[in-house]
Amino acid sequence: MNEKYFTERQIEILKNLEKKVEPKDMYLLTKTIEGSLPKSDIEAVCQIINNEYLMRGINDSFNPNDYGKELEILIDFVNRPRILWRSIAIS
């Protein structure tokens, strides 16, 4: 996974999240954008995106708003290598 696989909007979201996280987590988002995030750190990045989803991605009825739908897709994309790795390991 690298920058060429993310849409411009997904890169924008990840860069905006870099501004919101603690400095120790900023590198995770940078590594994600660069495509050099180790599988062992995927869960941490998904948690960062999920935190944003819970804060800004749902409406009053707890359904995803438009931004929340973007975040859901981004989580799925970031998590895909880990899911694929697990399915190969189980086979």
PDB file of N, CA and C in Angstrom:
ATOM      1  N   MET A   1       0.858  -1.165   0.000  1.00  0.00           N
ATOM      2  CA  MET A   1       0.000   0.000   0.000  1.00  0.00           C
ATOM      3  C   MET A   1       0.906   1.231   0.000  1.00  0.00           C
ATOM      4  N   ASN A   2       0.640   2.150  -0.898  1.00  0.00           N
ATOM      5  CA  ASN A   2       1.381   3.401  -0.870  1.00  0.00           C
ATOM      6  C   ASN A   2       0.518   4.538  -1.376  1.00  0.00           C
ATOM      7  N   GLU A   3       1.110   5.707  -1.428  1.00  0.00           N
ATOM      8  CA  GLU A   3       0.362   6.915  -1.744  1.00  0.00           C
ATOM      9  C   GLU A   3      -0.415   6.807  -3.040  1.00  0.00           C
ATOM     10  N   LYS A   4       0.142   6.107  -4.033  1.00  0.00           N
ATOM     11  CA  LYS A   4      -0.545   6.043  -5.311  1.00  0.00           C
ATOM     12  C   LYS A   4      -1.851   5.251  -5.222  1.00  0.00           C
ATOM     13  N   TYR A   5      -2.032   4.478  -4.161  1.00  0.00           N
ATOM     14  CA  TYR A   5      -3.255   3.707  -4.001  1.00  0.00           C
ATOM     15  C   TYR A   5      -4.346   4.474  -3.263  1.00  0.00           C
ATOM     16  N   PHE A   6      -3.975   5.512  -2.563  1.00  0.00           N
ATOM     17  CA  PHE A   6      -4.956   6.334  -1.875  1.00  0.00           C
ATOM     18  C   PHE A   6      -5.502   7.397  -2.811  1.00  0.00           C
ATOM     19  N   THR A   7      -6.764   7.731  -2.630  1.00  0.00           N
ATOM     20  CA  THR A   7      -7.310   8.863  -3.367  1.00  0.00           C
ATOM     21  C   THR A   7      -6.759  10.146  -2.751  1.00  0.00           C
ATOM     22  N   GLU A   8      -6.882  11.225  -3.479  1.00  0.00           N
ATOM     23  CA  GLU A   8      -6.440  12.516  -2.940  1.00  0.00           C
ATOM     24  C   GLU A   8      -7.200  12.842  -1.659  1.00  0.00           C
ATOM     25  N   ARG A   9      -8.472  12.511  -1.629  1.00  0.00           N
ATOM     26  CA  ARG A   9      -9.288  12.783  -0.449  1.00  0.00           C
ATOM     27  C   ARG A   9      -8.813  11.955   0.749  1.00  0.00           C
ATOM     28  N   GLN A  10      -8.470  10.696   0.525  1.00  0.00           N
ATOM     29  CA  GLN A  10      -7.980   9.862   1.621  1.00  0.00           C
ATOM     30  C   GLN A  10      -6.659  10.387   2.166  1.00  0.00           C
ATOM     31  N   ILE A  11      -5.798  10.847   1.289  1.00  0.00           N
ATOM     32  CA  ILE A  11      -4.533  11.443   1.730  1.00  0.00           C
ATOM     33  C   ILE A  11      -4.813  12.706   2.538  1.00  0.00           C
ATOM     34  N   GLU A  12      -5.763  13.504   2.077  1.00  0.00           N
ATOM     35  CA  GLU A  12      -6.135  14.723   2.807  1.00  0.00           C
ATOM     36  C   GLU A  12      -6.628  14.378   4.217  1.00  0.00           C
ATOM     37  N   ILE A  13      -7.457  13.356   4.324  1.00  0.00           N
ATOM     38  CA  ILE A  13      -7.968  12.942   5.636  1.00  0.00           C
ATOM     39  C   ILE A  13      -6.817  12.496   6.533  1.00  0.00           C
ATOM     40  N   LEU A  14      -5.928  11.662   6.009  1.00  0.00           N
ATOM     41  CA  LEU A  14      -4.797  11.184   6.807  1.00  0.00           C
ATOM     42  C   LEU A  14      -3.899  12.331   7.251  1.00  0.00           C
ATOM     43  N   LYS A  15      -3.655  13.292   6.378  1.00  0.00           N
ATOM     44  CA  LYS A  15      -2.827  14.445   6.745  1.00  0.00           C
ATOM     45  C   LYS A  15      -3.515  15.299   7.797  1.00  0.00           C
ATOM     46  N   ASN A  16      -4.834  15.446   7.697  1.00  0.00           N
ATOM     47  CA  ASN A  16      -5.559  16.196   8.720  1.00  0.00           C
ATOM     48  C   ASN A  16      -5.524  15.471  10.063  1.00  0.00           C
ATOM     49  N   LEU A  17      -5.574  14.147  10.028  1.00  0.00           N
ATOM     50  CA  LEU A  17      -5.489  13.385  11.269  1.00  0.00           C
ATOM     51  C   LEU A  17      -4.119  13.537  11.924  1.00  0.00           C
ATOM     52  N   GLU A  18      -3.080  13.712  11.108  1.00  0.00           N
ATOM     53  CA  GLU A  18      -1.733  13.928  11.663  1.00  0.00           C
ATOM     54  C   GLU A  18      -1.710  15.135  12.597  1.00  0.00           C
ATOM     55  N   LYS A  19      -2.535  16.126  12.294  1.00  0.00           N
ATOM     56  CA  LYS A  19      -2.585  17.348  13.095  1.00  0.00           C
ATOM     57  C   LYS A  19      -3.341  17.138  14.412  1.00  0.00           C
ATOM     58  N   LYS A  20      -4.099  16.052  14.512  1.00  0.00           N
ATOM     59  CA  LYS A  20      -4.957  15.838  15.667  1.00  0.00           C
ATOM     60  C   LYS A  20      -4.401  14.822  16.668  1.00  0.00           C
ATOM     61  N   VAL A  21      -3.447  14.036  16.240  1.00  0.00           N
ATOM     62  CA  VAL A  21      -2.948  12.960  17.112  1.00  0.00           C
ATOM     63  C   VAL A  21      -1.747  13.436  17.918  1.00  0.00           C
ATOM     64  N   GLU A  22      -1.402  12.651  18.894  1.00  0.00           N
ATOM     65  CA  GLU A  22      -0.212  12.939  19.682  1.00  0.00           C
ATOM     66  C   GLU A  22       1.024  12.763  18.800  1.00  0.00           C
ATOM     67  N   PRO A  23       2.074  13.497  19.103  1.00  0.00           N
ATOM     68  CA  PRO A  23       3.287  13.411  18.273  1.00  0.00           C
ATOM     69  C   PRO A  23       3.810  11.987  18.076  1.00  0.00           C
ATOM     70  N   LYS A  24       3.660  11.142  19.092  1.00  0.00           N
ATOM     71  CA  LYS A  24       4.158   9.772  18.972  1.00  0.00           C
ATOM     72  C   LYS A  24       3.388   8.967  17.918  1.00  0.00           C
ATOM     73  N   ASP A  25       2.171   9.403  17.578  1.00  0.00           N
ATOM     74  CA  ASP A  25       1.369   8.690  16.588  1.00  0.00           C
ATOM     75  C   ASP A  25       1.416   9.309  15.194  1.00  0.00           C
ATOM     76  N   MET A  26       1.988  10.492  15.096  1.00  0.00           N
ATOM     77  CA  MET A  26       2.050  11.163  13.800  1.00  0.00           C
ATOM     78  C   MET A  26       2.786  10.319  12.765  1.00  0.00           C
ATOM     79  N   TYR A  27       3.863   9.664  13.195  1.00  0.00           N
ATOM     80  CA  TYR A  27       4.659   8.879  12.247  1.00  0.00           C
ATOM     81  C   TYR A  27       3.851   7.726  11.651  1.00  0.00           C
ATOM     82  N   LEU A  28       2.884   7.191  12.403  1.00  0.00           N
ATOM     83  CA  LEU A  28       2.061   6.100  11.883  1.00  0.00           C
ATOM     84  C   LEU A  28       1.270   6.548  10.657  1.00  0.00           C
ATOM     85  N   LEU A  29       0.724   7.746  10.741  1.00  0.00           N
ATOM     86  CA  LEU A  29      -0.048   8.259   9.609  1.00  0.00           C
ATOM     87  C   LEU A  29       0.866   8.607   8.440  1.00  0.00           C
ATOM     88  N   THR A  30       2.045   9.135   8.742  1.00  0.00           N
ATOM     89  CA  THR A  30       3.016   9.413   7.682  1.00  0.00           C
ATOM     90  C   THR A  30       3.414   8.119   6.991  1.00  0.00           C
ATOM     91  N   LYS A  31       3.696   7.088   7.768  1.00  0.00           N
ATOM     92  CA  LYS A  31       4.064   5.786   7.205  1.00  0.00           C
ATOM     93  C   LYS A  31       2.916   5.209   6.374  1.00  0.00           C
ATOM     94  N   THR A  32       1.690   5.442   6.805  1.00  0.00           N
ATOM     95  CA  THR A  32       0.531   4.960   6.058  1.00  0.00           C
ATOM     96  C   THR A  32       0.482   5.625   4.688  1.00  0.00           C
ATOM     97  N   ILE A  33       0.615   6.935   4.663  1.00  0.00           N
ATOM     98  CA  ILE A  33       0.585   7.677   3.400  1.00  0.00           C
ATOM     99  C   ILE A  33       1.728   7.241   2.492  1.00  0.00           C
ATOM    100  N   GLU A  34       2.900   7.030   3.065  1.00  0.00           N
ATOM    101  CA  GLU A  34       4.079   6.637   2.288  1.00  0.00           C
ATOM    102  C   GLU A  34       3.989   5.195   1.791  1.00  0.00           C
ATOM    103  N   GLY A  35       3.117   4.408   2.404  1.00  0.00           N
ATOM    104  CA  GLY A  35       3.015   3.007   2.030  1.00  0.00           C
ATOM    105  C   GLY A  35       4.032   2.127   2.707  1.00  0.00           C
ATOM    106  N   SER A  36       4.591   2.596   3.805  1.00  0.00           N
ATOM    107  CA  SER A  36       5.621   1.827   4.501  1.00  0.00           C
ATOM    108  C   SER A  36       5.200   1.444   5.919  1.00  0.00           C
ATOM    109  N   LEU A  37       3.906   1.388   6.162  1.00  0.00           N
ATOM    110  CA  LEU A  37       3.396   1.029   7.484  1.00  0.00           C
ATOM    111  C   LEU A  37       3.513  -0.474   7.688  1.00  0.00           C
ATOM    112  N   PRO A  38       4.210  -0.907   8.734  1.00  0.00           N
ATOM    113  CA  PRO A  38       4.295  -2.344   9.017  1.00  0.00           C
ATOM    114  C   PRO A  38       2.923  -2.905   9.399  1.00  0.00           C
ATOM    115  N   LYS A  39       2.694  -4.153   9.071  1.00  0.00           N
ATOM    116  CA  LYS A  39       1.415  -4.791   9.425  1.00  0.00           C
ATOM    117  C   LYS A  39       1.151  -4.711  10.927  1.00  0.00           C
ATOM    118  N   SER A  40       2.199  -4.730  11.709  1.00  0.00           N
ATOM    119  CA  SER A  40       2.033  -4.686  13.168  1.00  0.00           C
ATOM    120  C   SER A  40       1.462  -3.356  13.659  1.00  0.00           C
ATOM    121  N   ASP A  41       1.502  -2.311  12.823  1.00  0.00           N
ATOM    122  CA  ASP A  41       0.979  -0.997  13.217  1.00  0.00           C
ATOM    123  C   ASP A  41      -0.373  -0.670  12.587  1.00  0.00           C
ATOM    124  N   ILE A  42      -0.897  -1.570  11.781  1.00  0.00           N
ATOM    125  CA  ILE A  42      -2.171  -1.304  11.111  1.00  0.00           C
ATOM    126  C   ILE A  42      -3.289  -1.087  12.119  1.00  0.00           C
ATOM    127  N   GLU A  43      -3.331  -1.894  13.144  1.00  0.00           N
ATOM    128  CA  GLU A  43      -4.396  -1.761  14.137  1.00  0.00           C
ATOM    129  C   GLU A  43      -4.377  -0.374  14.793  1.00  0.00           C
ATOM    130  N   ALA A  44      -3.201   0.144  15.076  1.00  0.00           N
ATOM    131  CA  ALA A  44      -3.091   1.473  15.697  1.00  0.00           C
ATOM    132  C   ALA A  44      -3.628   2.556  14.772  1.00  0.00           C
ATOM    133  N   VAL A  45      -3.342   2.449  13.483  1.00  0.00           N
ATOM    134  CA  VAL A  45      -3.845   3.446  12.523  1.00  0.00           C
ATOM    135  C   VAL A  45      -5.356   3.321  12.396  1.00  0.00           C
ATOM    136  N   CYS A  46      -5.862   2.107  12.355  1.00  0.00           N
ATOM    137  CA  CYS A  46      -7.313   1.926  12.300  1.00  0.00           C
ATOM    138  C   CYS A  46      -7.981   2.524  13.534  1.00  0.00           C
ATOM    139  N   GLN A  47      -7.329   2.417  14.683  1.00  0.00           N
ATOM    140  CA  GLN A  47      -7.877   2.999  15.907  1.00  0.00           C
ATOM    141  C   GLN A  47      -7.916   4.526  15.824  1.00  0.00           C
ATOM    142  N   ILE A  48      -6.885   5.121  15.245  1.00  0.00           N
ATOM    143  CA  ILE A  48      -6.858   6.582  15.063  1.00  0.00           C
ATOM    144  C   ILE A  48      -8.017   7.011  14.172  1.00  0.00           C
ATOM    145  N   ILE A  49      -8.209   6.294  13.069  1.00  0.00           N
ATOM    146  CA  ILE A  49      -9.296   6.629  12.147  1.00  0.00           C
ATOM    147  C   ILE A  49     -10.640   6.391  12.828  1.00  0.00           C
ATOM    148  N   ASN A  50     -10.749   5.303  13.573  1.00  0.00           N
ATOM    149  CA  ASN A  50     -12.001   5.004  14.278  1.00  0.00           C
ATOM    150  C   ASN A  50     -12.333   6.069  15.319  1.00  0.00           C
ATOM    151  N   ASN A  51     -11.333   6.573  16.018  1.00  0.00           N
ATOM    152  CA  ASN A  51     -11.572   7.651  16.981  1.00  0.00           C
ATOM    153  C   ASN A  51     -12.157   8.879  16.287  1.00  0.00           C
ATOM    154  N   GLU A  52     -11.627   9.204  15.118  1.00  0.00           N
ATOM    155  CA  GLU A  52     -12.161  10.326  14.341  1.00  0.00           C
ATOM    156  C   GLU A  52     -13.603  10.037  13.927  1.00  0.00           C
ATOM    157  N   TYR A  53     -13.845   8.795  13.532  1.00  0.00           N
ATOM    158  CA  TYR A  53     -15.204   8.381  13.147  1.00  0.00           C
ATOM    159  C   TYR A  53     -16.173   8.612  14.312  1.00  0.00           C
ATOM    160  N   LEU A  54     -15.781   8.202  15.493  1.00  0.00           N
ATOM    161  CA  LEU A  54     -16.666   8.351  16.652  1.00  0.00           C
ATOM    162  C   LEU A  54     -16.896   9.810  17.028  1.00  0.00           C
ATOM    163  N   MET A  55     -15.901  10.659  16.787  1.00  0.00           N
ATOM    164  CA  MET A  55     -16.019  12.078  17.151  1.00  0.00           C
ATOM    165  C   MET A  55     -16.743  12.907  16.080  1.00  0.00           C
ATOM    166  N   ARG A  56     -16.515  12.588  14.802  1.00  0.00           N
ATOM    167  CA  ARG A  56     -17.036  13.455  13.738  1.00  0.00           C
ATOM    168  C   ARG A  56     -17.746  12.718  12.613  1.00  0.00           C
ATOM    169  N   GLY A  57     -17.782  11.396  12.679  1.00  0.00           N
ATOM    170  CA  GLY A  57     -18.289  10.638  11.544  1.00  0.00           C
ATOM    171  C   GLY A  57     -19.693  10.092  11.677  1.00  0.00           C
ATOM    172  N   ILE A  58     -20.362  10.410  12.789  1.00  0.00           N
ATOM    173  CA  ILE A  58     -21.720   9.904  12.968  1.00  0.00           C
ATOM    174  C   ILE A  58     -22.660  11.061  13.299  1.00  0.00           C
ATOM    175  N   ASN A  59     -23.918  10.854  12.926  1.00  0.00           N
ATOM    176  CA  ASN A  59     -24.917  11.874  13.226  1.00  0.00           C
ATOM    177  C   ASN A  59     -25.598  11.566  14.562  1.00  0.00           C
ATOM    178  N   ASP A  60     -26.607  12.344  14.892  1.00  0.00           N
ATOM    179  CA  ASP A  60     -27.290  12.191  16.182  1.00  0.00           C
ATOM    180  C   ASP A  60     -27.970  10.830  16.337  1.00  0.00           C
ATOM    181  N   SER A  61     -28.272  10.175  15.220  1.00  0.00           N
ATOM    182  CA  SER A  61     -28.906   8.856  15.257  1.00  0.00           C
ATOM    183  C   SER A  61     -27.874   7.730  15.254  1.00  0.00           C
ATOM    184  N   PHE A  62     -26.596   8.103  15.386  1.00  0.00           N
ATOM    185  CA  PHE A  62     -25.482   7.155  15.387  1.00  0.00           C
ATOM    186  C   PHE A  62     -25.309   6.428  14.052  1.00  0.00           C
ATOM    187  N   ASN A  63     -25.786   7.053  12.996  1.00  0.00           N
ATOM    188  CA  ASN A  63     -25.546   6.559  11.644  1.00  0.00           C
ATOM    189  C   ASN A  63     -24.399   7.356  11.050  1.00  0.00           C
ATOM    190  N   PRO A  64     -23.639   6.761  10.130  1.00  0.00           N
ATOM    191  CA  PRO A  64     -22.520   7.509   9.554  1.00  0.00           C
ATOM    192  C   PRO A  64     -23.006   8.663   8.689  1.00  0.00           C
ATOM    193  N   ASN A  65     -22.371   9.813   8.871  1.00  0.00           N
ATOM    194  CA  ASN A  65     -22.614  10.929   7.962  1.00  0.00           C
ATOM    195  C   ASN A  65     -21.683  10.733   6.754  1.00  0.00           C
ATOM    196  N   ASP A  66     -21.659  11.692   5.846  1.00  0.00           N
ATOM    197  CA  ASP A  66     -20.829  11.533   4.646  1.00  0.00           C
ATOM    198  C   ASP A  66     -19.355  11.358   4.999  1.00  0.00           C
ATOM    199  N   TYR A  67     -18.871  12.142   5.948  1.00  0.00           N
ATOM    200  CA  TYR A  67     -17.482  12.021   6.382  1.00  0.00           C
ATOM    201  C   TYR A  67     -17.247  10.652   7.024  1.00  0.00           C
ATOM    202  N   GLY A  68     -18.213  10.187   7.800  1.00  0.00           N
ATOM    203  CA  GLY A  68     -18.113   8.874   8.420  1.00  0.00           C
ATOM    204  C   GLY A  68     -18.013   7.758   7.389  1.00  0.00           C
ATOM    205  N   LYS A  69     -18.743   7.893   6.299  1.00  0.00           N
ATOM    206  CA  LYS A  69     -18.671   6.896   5.228  1.00  0.00           C
ATOM    207  C   LYS A  69     -17.282   6.892   4.596  1.00  0.00           C
ATOM    208  N   GLU A  70     -16.697   8.078   4.449  1.00  0.00           N
ATOM    209  CA  GLU A  70     -15.325   8.155   3.924  1.00  0.00           C
ATOM    210  C   GLU A  70     -14.351   7.468   4.879  1.00  0.00           C
ATOM    211  N   LEU A  71     -14.553   7.692   6.167  1.00  0.00           N
ATOM    212  CA  LEU A  71     -13.680   7.079   7.166  1.00  0.00           C
ATOM    213  C   LEU A  71     -13.834   5.561   7.189  1.00  0.00           C
ATOM    214  N   GLU A  72     -15.056   5.069   7.029  1.00  0.00           N
ATOM    215  CA  GLU A  72     -15.276   3.620   6.980  1.00  0.00           C
ATOM    216  C   GLU A  72     -14.504   2.993   5.819  1.00  0.00           C
ATOM    217  N   ILE A  73     -14.567   3.630   4.662  1.00  0.00           N
ATOM    218  CA  ILE A  73     -13.848   3.128   3.493  1.00  0.00           C
ATOM    219  C   ILE A  73     -12.346   3.166   3.747  1.00  0.00           C
ATOM    220  N   LEU A  74     -11.883   4.241   4.362  1.00  0.00           N
ATOM    221  CA  LEU A  74     -10.458   4.379   4.652  1.00  0.00           C
ATOM    222  C   LEU A  74      -9.992   3.292   5.632  1.00  0.00           C
ATOM    223  N   ILE A  75     -10.771   3.031   6.659  1.00  0.00           N
ATOM    224  CA  ILE A  75     -10.424   1.961   7.605  1.00  0.00           C
ATOM    225  C   ILE A  75     -10.332   0.628   6.872  1.00  0.00           C
ATOM    226  N   ASP A  76     -11.312   0.343   6.038  1.00  0.00           N
ATOM    227  CA  ASP A  76     -11.297  -0.914   5.286  1.00  0.00           C
ATOM    228  C   ASP A  76     -10.052  -1.021   4.425  1.00  0.00           C
ATOM    229  N   PHE A  77      -9.685   0.083   3.793  1.00  0.00           N
ATOM    230  CA  PHE A  77      -8.522   0.064   2.905  1.00  0.00           C
ATOM    231  C   PHE A  77      -7.224  -0.117   3.695  1.00  0.00           C
ATOM    232  N   VAL A  78      -7.084   0.618   4.769  1.00  0.00           N
ATOM    233  CA  VAL A  78      -5.869   0.524   5.584  1.00  0.00           C
ATOM    234  C   VAL A  78      -5.750  -0.876   6.190  1.00  0.00           C
ATOM    235  N   ASN A  79      -6.857  -1.460   6.588  1.00  0.00           N
ATOM    236  CA  ASN A  79      -6.862  -2.756   7.257  1.00  0.00           C
ATOM    237  C   ASN A  79      -6.738  -3.934   6.280  1.00  0.00           C
ATOM    238  N   ARG A  80      -6.935  -3.702   4.998  1.00  0.00           N
ATOM    239  CA  ARG A  80      -6.953  -4.785   4.011  1.00  0.00           C
ATOM    240  C   ARG A  80      -5.710  -5.681   4.037  1.00  0.00           C
ATOM    241  N   PRO A  81      -4.488  -5.148   4.110  1.00  0.00           N
ATOM    242  CA  PRO A  81      -3.330  -6.053   4.128  1.00  0.00           C
ATOM    243  C   PRO A  81      -3.336  -7.007   5.323  1.00  0.00           C
ATOM    244  N   ARG A  82      -3.820  -6.559   6.436  1.00  0.00           N
ATOM    245  CA  ARG A  82      -3.872  -7.405   7.625  1.00  0.00           C
ATOM    246  C   ARG A  82      -4.914  -8.508   7.455  1.00  0.00           C
ATOM    247  N   ILE A  83      -6.040  -8.171   6.871  1.00  0.00           N
ATOM    248  CA  ILE A  83      -7.093  -9.161   6.639  1.00  0.00           C
ATOM    249  C   ILE A  83      -6.627 -10.181   5.608  1.00  0.00           C
ATOM    250  N   LEU A  84      -6.011  -9.708   4.531  1.00  0.00           N
ATOM    251  CA  LEU A  84      -5.505 -10.620   3.508  1.00  0.00           C
ATOM    252  C   LEU A  84      -4.435 -11.537   4.082  1.00  0.00           C
ATOM    253  N   TRP A  85      -3.555 -10.985   4.912  1.00  0.00           N
ATOM    254  CA  TRP A  85      -2.487 -11.776   5.523  1.00  0.00           C
ATOM    255  C   TRP A  85      -3.080 -12.870   6.404  1.00  0.00           C
ATOM    256  N   ARG A  86      -4.105 -12.509   7.187  1.00  0.00           N
ATOM    257  CA  ARG A  86      -4.750 -13.498   8.062  1.00  0.00           C
ATOM    258  C   ARG A  86      -5.425 -14.598   7.255  1.00  0.00           C
ATOM    259  N   SER A  87      -6.095 -14.240   6.157  1.00  0.00           N
ATOM    260  CA  SER A  87      -6.785 -15.257   5.375  1.00  0.00           C
ATOM    261  C   SER A  87      -5.800 -16.198   4.711  1.00  0.00           C
ATOM    262  N   ILE A  88      -4.623 -15.702   4.326  1.00  0.00           N
ATOM    263  CA  ILE A  88      -3.586 -16.555   3.746  1.00  0.00           C
ATOM    264  C   ILE A  88      -3.009 -17.460   4.816  1.00  0.00           C
ATOM    265  N   ALA A  89      -2.803 -16.919   6.009  1.00  0.00           N
ATOM    266  CA  ALA A  89      -2.222 -17.700   7.101  1.00  0.00           C
ATOM    267  C   ALA A  89      -3.164 -18.824   7.549  1.00  0.00           C
ATOM    268  N   ILE A  90      -4.463 -18.587   7.457  1.00  0.00           N
ATOM    269  CA  ILE A  90      -5.434 -19.594   7.875  1.00  0.00           C
ATOM    270  C   ILE A  90      -5.550 -20.704   6.836  1.00  0.00           C
ATOM    271  N   SER A  91      -5.375 -20.371   5.577  1.00  0.00           N
ATOM    272  CA  SER A  91      -5.533 -21.364   4.493  1.00  0.00           C
ATOM    273  C   SER A  91      -4.555 -22.496   4.575  1.00  0.00           C
TER     274      SER A  91
END
